[in-house]
Amino acid sequence: MYQNKVKTYYDYTLGLFRLFWHGDTRAVHYGIWDESVKNFQGALLNTNKFLAEKANIRPGEKVLDAGCGVGGSAFWLVKNKGVYVVGITISEKQLIKAKKLATKLGLENQTEFYLQDFIKTDFLNESFDVVWAIESACYALDKSAFLKETYRLLKPGGRLIIADGFLEKEPQNKKEEAMLKNFLKGFALDNLAEAKKFEDLIIATGFKSVQNWDKTQEILPTSIPMARMSRWSWPLSIVTTWLHLTPRLLVDNNRAGIDQLYLFKNRILVYRVFLAEK
């Protein structure tokens, strides 16, 4: 089952992301670089800042973090924007970690975390001012179903803010086809939406005032160290997998980490931020 594949991927990589990627930012996503960013972790946090500013998130609002990971964005939003955040994930390990971190940071009264599928939640209609999705909408098998659920959950005037990877053009040769296949397999993805078709889906769902920003160039400085890290860990993971010390998904994940740089540089993939209003 596809959902189990995604859950297995995030359960296994939870500690690896902490050790090799996000550190204390708890940000399981690409970083957006601009003139204000001084270092790698600053770029990861700047992604939160960019989305929060574009969505005009205000103190006292209620935000649904659809695909919350270990709570990185949720905690950032509470501390920097004064909002209340409900986070959902399909990974039990992420859920446990997010709840522990909320208590550790003293934010358990401003956050809630649940094990739920963002395509079909049990929240009431019009429960949230903002639905926030960083690199999680890509995991929806049916992108339209995801958008319809976010529309149901938003109050009138509520905003949907998404940052994610999208297909920009078809691979031009077998090498690029293989790279895209590696990307999908390594990050446990079934499919990626084409950017223009995704925008059309947002509009067809009923959203208005749809905007998007192409941040592909701004995430490349994050994409480069991912590729560099994956190049040295990929052969090591092949050996450890052969010795039955690590699962095959680690080999696939490293291969995806290598190939994603080429895919973004050559704009087979793009990184876009979408904003829409109910």
Protein backbone atom coordinates (compact mmCIF):
# COMPACT_ATOMS: atom_id res chain seq x y z
CA MET A 1 0.00 0.00 0.00
CA TYR A 2 1.34 3.41 -1.03
CA GLN A 3 0.62 5.09 2.30
CA ASN A 4 2.60 2.41 4.12
CA LYS A 5 5.55 3.04 1.80
CA VAL A 6 5.49 6.75 2.66
CA LYS A 7 5.15 6.02 6.37
CA THR A 8 8.02 3.52 6.29
CA TYR A 9 10.23 6.05 4.53
CA TYR A 10 9.63 8.81 7.09
CA ASP A 11 9.78 6.45 10.06
CA TYR A 12 13.18 5.17 8.98
CA THR A 13 14.68 8.53 8.00
CA LEU A 14 13.51 10.44 11.07
CA GLY A 15 16.86 10.17 12.86
CA LEU A 16 18.84 10.69 9.65
CA PHE A 17 17.09 13.99 8.95
CA ARG A 18 17.87 15.14 12.49
CA LEU A 19 21.53 14.17 12.22
CA PHE A 20 22.35 15.19 8.65
CA TRP A 21 19.77 17.80 7.70
CA HIS A 22 17.64 19.95 9.95
CA GLY A 23 19.30 19.87 13.36
CA ASP A 24 17.43 22.06 15.83
CA THR A 25 15.29 23.65 13.10
CA ARG A 26 13.29 20.40 12.76
CA ALA A 27 12.67 21.49 9.17
CA VAL A 28 12.21 18.52 6.84
CA HIS A 29 12.24 20.57 3.64
CA TYR A 30 14.38 22.60 1.23
CA GLY A 31 15.71 25.97 2.32
CA ILE A 32 14.94 29.17 0.41
CA TRP A 33 18.01 31.39 0.16
CA ASP A 34 17.98 35.18 -0.15
CA GLU A 35 20.13 38.11 0.99
CA SER A 36 18.96 37.69 4.59
CA VAL A 37 20.20 34.07 4.86
CA LYS A 38 23.61 33.48 6.44
CA ASN A 39 23.78 29.69 6.63
CA PHE A 40 22.11 26.39 5.77
CA GLN A 41 19.81 26.20 8.79
CA GLY A 42 18.88 29.84 8.28
CA ALA A 43 17.69 28.92 4.78
CA LEU A 44 15.49 26.14 6.18
CA LEU A 45 13.85 28.60 8.56
CA ASN A 46 13.58 31.19 5.81
CA THR A 47 11.21 28.85 3.96
CA ASN A 48 8.84 29.13 6.92
CA LYS A 49 9.27 32.92 6.93
CA PHE A 50 8.58 33.27 3.21
CA LEU A 51 5.39 31.20 3.35
CA ALA A 52 4.13 32.90 6.51
CA GLU A 53 4.61 36.34 4.98
CA LYS A 54 2.96 35.43 1.67
CA ALA A 55 -0.01 33.89 3.50
CA ASN A 56 -0.22 36.96 5.77
CA ILE A 57 -0.47 34.76 8.86
CA ARG A 58 -1.61 36.81 11.85
CA PRO A 59 -1.58 36.33 15.64
CA GLY A 60 -4.54 34.36 16.96
CA GLU A 61 -5.22 32.45 13.76
CA LYS A 62 -5.61 28.68 13.68
CA VAL A 63 -3.34 26.86 11.25
CA LEU A 64 -3.48 23.26 10.01
CA ASP A 65 -0.01 21.94 9.19
CA ALA A 66 -0.92 19.22 6.68
CA GLY A 67 2.05 16.89 6.80
CA CYS A 68 3.70 18.34 9.89
CA GLY A 69 6.76 16.11 10.19
CA VAL A 70 8.21 16.43 13.70
CA GLY A 71 6.62 19.86 14.16
CA GLY A 72 9.33 22.17 12.86
CA SER A 73 7.05 24.59 11.02
CA ALA A 74 4.38 24.36 13.72
CA PHE A 75 6.78 25.43 16.44
CA TRP A 76 8.21 28.21 14.27
CA LEU A 77 4.73 29.55 13.54
CA VAL A 78 3.71 29.53 17.19
CA LYS A 79 6.87 31.32 18.32
CA ASN A 80 7.12 33.81 15.46
CA LYS A 81 3.50 34.43 14.47
CA GLY A 82 1.54 33.81 17.66
CA VAL A 83 -0.84 31.29 16.12
CA TYR A 84 -2.36 28.01 17.24
CA VAL A 85 -1.24 25.06 15.12
CA VAL A 86 -2.77 21.64 14.58
CA GLY A 87 -0.33 19.26 12.91
CA ILE A 88 -1.18 15.98 11.21
CA THR A 89 1.05 13.18 9.94
CA ILE A 90 0.70 9.52 8.95
CA SER A 91 3.96 8.59 10.70
CA GLU A 92 3.60 7.34 14.27
CA LYS A 93 7.27 8.09 14.94
CA GLN A 94 6.91 11.65 13.73
CA LEU A 95 3.78 12.07 15.85
CA ILE A 96 5.52 10.83 19.01
CA LYS A 97 8.52 13.07 18.35
CA ALA A 98 6.37 16.15 17.65
CA LYS A 99 4.45 15.71 20.90
CA LYS A 100 7.66 15.26 22.88
CA LEU A 101 9.18 18.35 21.32
CA ALA A 102 6.05 20.40 22.04
CA THR A 103 6.38 19.52 25.73
CA LYS A 104 10.13 20.13 25.72
CA LEU A 105 9.67 23.56 24.14
CA GLY A 106 6.76 24.47 26.38
CA LEU A 107 4.40 24.75 23.40
CA GLU A 108 1.97 21.95 24.24
CA ASN A 109 -0.81 24.48 24.94
CA GLN A 110 -0.42 26.14 21.53
CA THR A 111 -0.14 23.01 19.42
CA GLU A 112 -1.94 19.72 18.81
CA PHE A 113 -0.66 16.76 16.81
CA TYR A 114 -2.67 13.88 15.36
CA LEU A 115 -2.21 10.77 13.25
CA GLN A 116 -4.40 11.59 10.25
CA ASP A 117 -4.45 11.46 6.46
CA PHE A 118 -4.70 14.98 5.02
CA ILE A 119 -6.96 13.77 2.21
CA LYS A 120 -9.67 12.76 4.67
CA THR A 121 -9.50 14.30 8.13
CA ASP A 122 -12.10 14.25 10.90
CA PHE A 123 -12.03 18.02 11.51
CA LEU A 124 -15.22 20.04 11.14
CA ASN A 125 -15.93 22.20 8.10
CA GLU A 126 -14.38 25.68 8.21
CA SER A 127 -12.11 24.86 11.16
CA PHE A 128 -8.97 26.72 10.08
CA ASP A 129 -7.79 30.14 8.96
CA VAL A 130 -4.80 28.69 7.12
CA VAL A 131 -3.82 25.31 5.69
CA TRP A 132 -0.04 25.01 5.46
CA ALA A 133 1.67 22.29 3.39
CA ILE A 134 5.44 22.23 2.90
CA GLU A 135 6.57 19.38 0.64
CA SER A 136 3.60 17.24 1.65
CA ALA A 137 0.99 17.80 -1.07
CA CYS A 138 3.29 15.87 -3.40
CA TYR A 139 2.46 12.73 -1.38
CA ALA A 140 -1.24 12.94 -2.19
CA LEU A 141 -2.05 10.22 -4.71
CA ASP A 142 -4.99 12.33 -5.84
CA LYS A 143 -4.03 16.02 -5.77
CA SER A 144 -7.62 17.06 -6.40
CA ALA A 145 -8.81 15.16 -3.31
CA PHE A 146 -6.17 16.95 -1.23
CA LEU A 147 -7.28 20.35 -2.50
CA LYS A 148 -10.97 19.59 -1.92
CA GLU A 149 -10.26 18.61 1.68
CA THR A 150 -8.26 21.79 2.32
CA TYR A 151 -11.12 23.82 0.83
CA ARG A 152 -13.61 22.12 3.15
CA LEU A 153 -11.46 22.82 6.20
CA LEU A 154 -10.82 26.49 5.52
CA LYS A 155 -13.03 29.29 6.78
CA PRO A 156 -14.31 31.77 4.17
CA GLY A 157 -11.38 34.03 3.43
CA GLY A 158 -8.95 31.38 4.66
CA ARG A 159 -5.70 30.75 2.85
CA LEU A 160 -3.97 27.71 1.45
CA ILE A 161 -0.17 27.97 1.26
CA ILE A 162 1.88 25.22 -0.40
CA ALA A 163 5.60 24.85 -1.09
CA ASP A 164 6.59 21.83 -3.14
CA GLY A 165 8.34 20.32 -6.11
CA PHE A 166 6.45 20.15 -9.41
CA LEU A 167 7.07 18.85 -12.89
CA GLU A 168 7.89 21.65 -15.29
CA LYS A 169 8.68 19.68 -18.44
CA GLU A 170 8.98 16.11 -19.58
CA PRO A 171 12.41 14.41 -19.49
CA GLN A 172 14.14 14.81 -22.85
CA ASN A 173 16.02 11.51 -22.97
CA LYS A 174 16.40 8.14 -21.24
CA LYS A 175 18.98 9.50 -18.81
CA GLU A 176 16.56 12.16 -17.57
CA GLU A 177 13.71 9.64 -17.48
CA ALA A 178 15.84 7.43 -15.23
CA MET A 179 16.71 10.37 -12.98
CA LEU A 180 13.07 11.33 -12.55
CA LYS A 181 12.20 7.70 -11.79
CA ASN A 182 15.02 7.63 -9.21
CA PHE A 183 13.70 10.85 -7.64
CA LEU A 184 10.20 9.49 -7.24
CA LYS A 185 11.36 6.13 -5.92
CA GLY A 186 13.97 7.54 -3.54
CA PHE A 187 11.57 9.98 -1.89
CA ALA A 188 8.69 7.45 -1.79
CA LEU A 189 6.57 9.44 -4.25
CA ASP A 190 3.93 7.95 -6.51
CA ASN A 191 3.65 10.98 -8.77
CA LEU A 192 4.34 14.68 -9.07
CA ALA A 193 1.86 17.21 -10.41
CA GLU A 194 2.68 19.43 -13.35
CA ALA A 195 2.86 23.00 -12.06
CA LYS A 196 0.32 24.44 -14.52
CA LYS A 197 -2.13 21.55 -14.08
CA PHE A 198 -1.86 21.93 -10.30
CA GLU A 199 -2.75 25.61 -10.57
CA ASP A 200 -5.73 24.68 -12.74
CA LEU A 201 -6.83 22.17 -10.08
CA ILE A 202 -6.65 24.84 -7.38
CA ILE A 203 -8.92 27.10 -9.42
CA ALA A 204 -11.29 24.24 -10.31
CA THR A 205 -11.64 23.42 -6.60
CA GLY A 206 -13.12 26.88 -6.02
CA PHE A 207 -10.15 28.83 -4.70
CA LYS A 208 -9.61 32.40 -5.84
CA SER A 209 -6.75 34.92 -5.92
CA VAL A 210 -4.33 32.15 -6.86
CA GLN A 211 -0.67 33.17 -6.95
CA ASN A 212 2.58 31.28 -7.25
CA TRP A 213 6.27 32.02 -6.94
CA ASP A 214 9.03 30.08 -8.67
CA LYS A 215 11.72 29.57 -6.03
CA THR A 216 13.79 27.00 -7.94
CA GLN A 217 16.91 29.18 -8.09
CA GLU A 218 16.59 30.03 -4.41
CA ILE A 219 16.55 26.38 -3.30
CA LEU A 220 19.56 25.34 -5.40
CA PRO A 221 22.03 26.28 -2.63
CA THR A 222 20.18 23.69 -0.52
CA SER A 223 19.97 21.19 -3.36
CA ILE A 224 23.76 21.29 -3.89
CA PRO A 225 24.79 20.09 -0.40
CA MET A 226 22.06 17.43 -0.55
CA ALA A 227 23.64 16.08 -3.73
CA ARG A 228 27.14 16.33 -2.27
CA MET A 229 26.13 14.47 0.88
CA SER A 230 24.33 11.81 -1.14
CA ARG A 231 27.33 11.22 -3.41
CA TRP A 232 29.53 10.05 -0.55
CA SER A 233 26.79 8.19 1.33
CA TRP A 234 25.35 6.38 -1.72
CA PRO A 235 28.23 3.87 -2.17
CA LEU A 236 28.37 3.37 1.60
CA SER A 237 24.64 2.61 1.69
CA ILE A 238 25.08 0.04 -1.10
CA VAL A 239 27.61 -1.79 1.07
CA THR A 240 25.56 -1.60 4.27
CA THR A 241 22.46 -2.79 2.40
CA TRP A 242 24.41 -5.69 0.90
CA LEU A 243 25.49 -6.58 4.46
CA HIS A 244 21.80 -6.40 5.55
CA LEU A 245 22.59 -3.57 7.96
CA THR A 246 20.32 -1.01 6.30
CA PRO A 247 17.23 -1.24 4.06
CA ARG A 248 17.19 -0.73 0.31
CA LEU A 249 15.27 2.53 0.75
CA LEU A 250 18.49 4.16 1.96
CA VAL A 251 20.23 3.36 -1.34
CA ASP A 252 17.25 4.70 -3.27
CA ASN A 253 17.09 7.83 -1.12
CA ASN A 254 20.76 8.61 -1.71
CA ARG A 255 20.36 8.09 -5.45
CA ALA A 256 17.43 10.53 -5.42
CA GLY A 257 19.53 13.01 -3.47
CA ILE A 258 22.14 12.92 -6.22
CA ASP A 259 19.71 13.22 -9.13
CA GLN A 260 17.49 15.94 -7.71
CA LEU A 261 20.18 18.56 -8.35
CA TYR A 262 20.29 17.86 -12.08
CA LEU A 263 16.48 17.79 -12.26
CA PHE A 264 16.14 21.21 -10.62
CA LYS A 265 19.08 22.75 -12.49
CA ASN A 266 17.60 21.68 -15.81
CA ARG A 267 14.07 22.63 -14.78
CA ILE A 268 12.56 19.22 -15.27
CA LEU A 269 11.47 19.89 -11.70
CA VAL A 270 10.68 23.29 -10.25
CA TYR A 271 10.11 24.42 -6.68
CA ARG A 272 7.03 26.59 -6.38
CA VAL A 273 5.04 28.26 -3.63
CA PHE A 274 1.29 28.45 -4.25
CA LEU A 275 -1.11 30.73 -2.38
CA ALA A 276 -4.89 30.60 -2.76
CA GLU A 277 -7.87 32.01 -0.90
CA LYS A 278 -11.24 30.46 -0.17
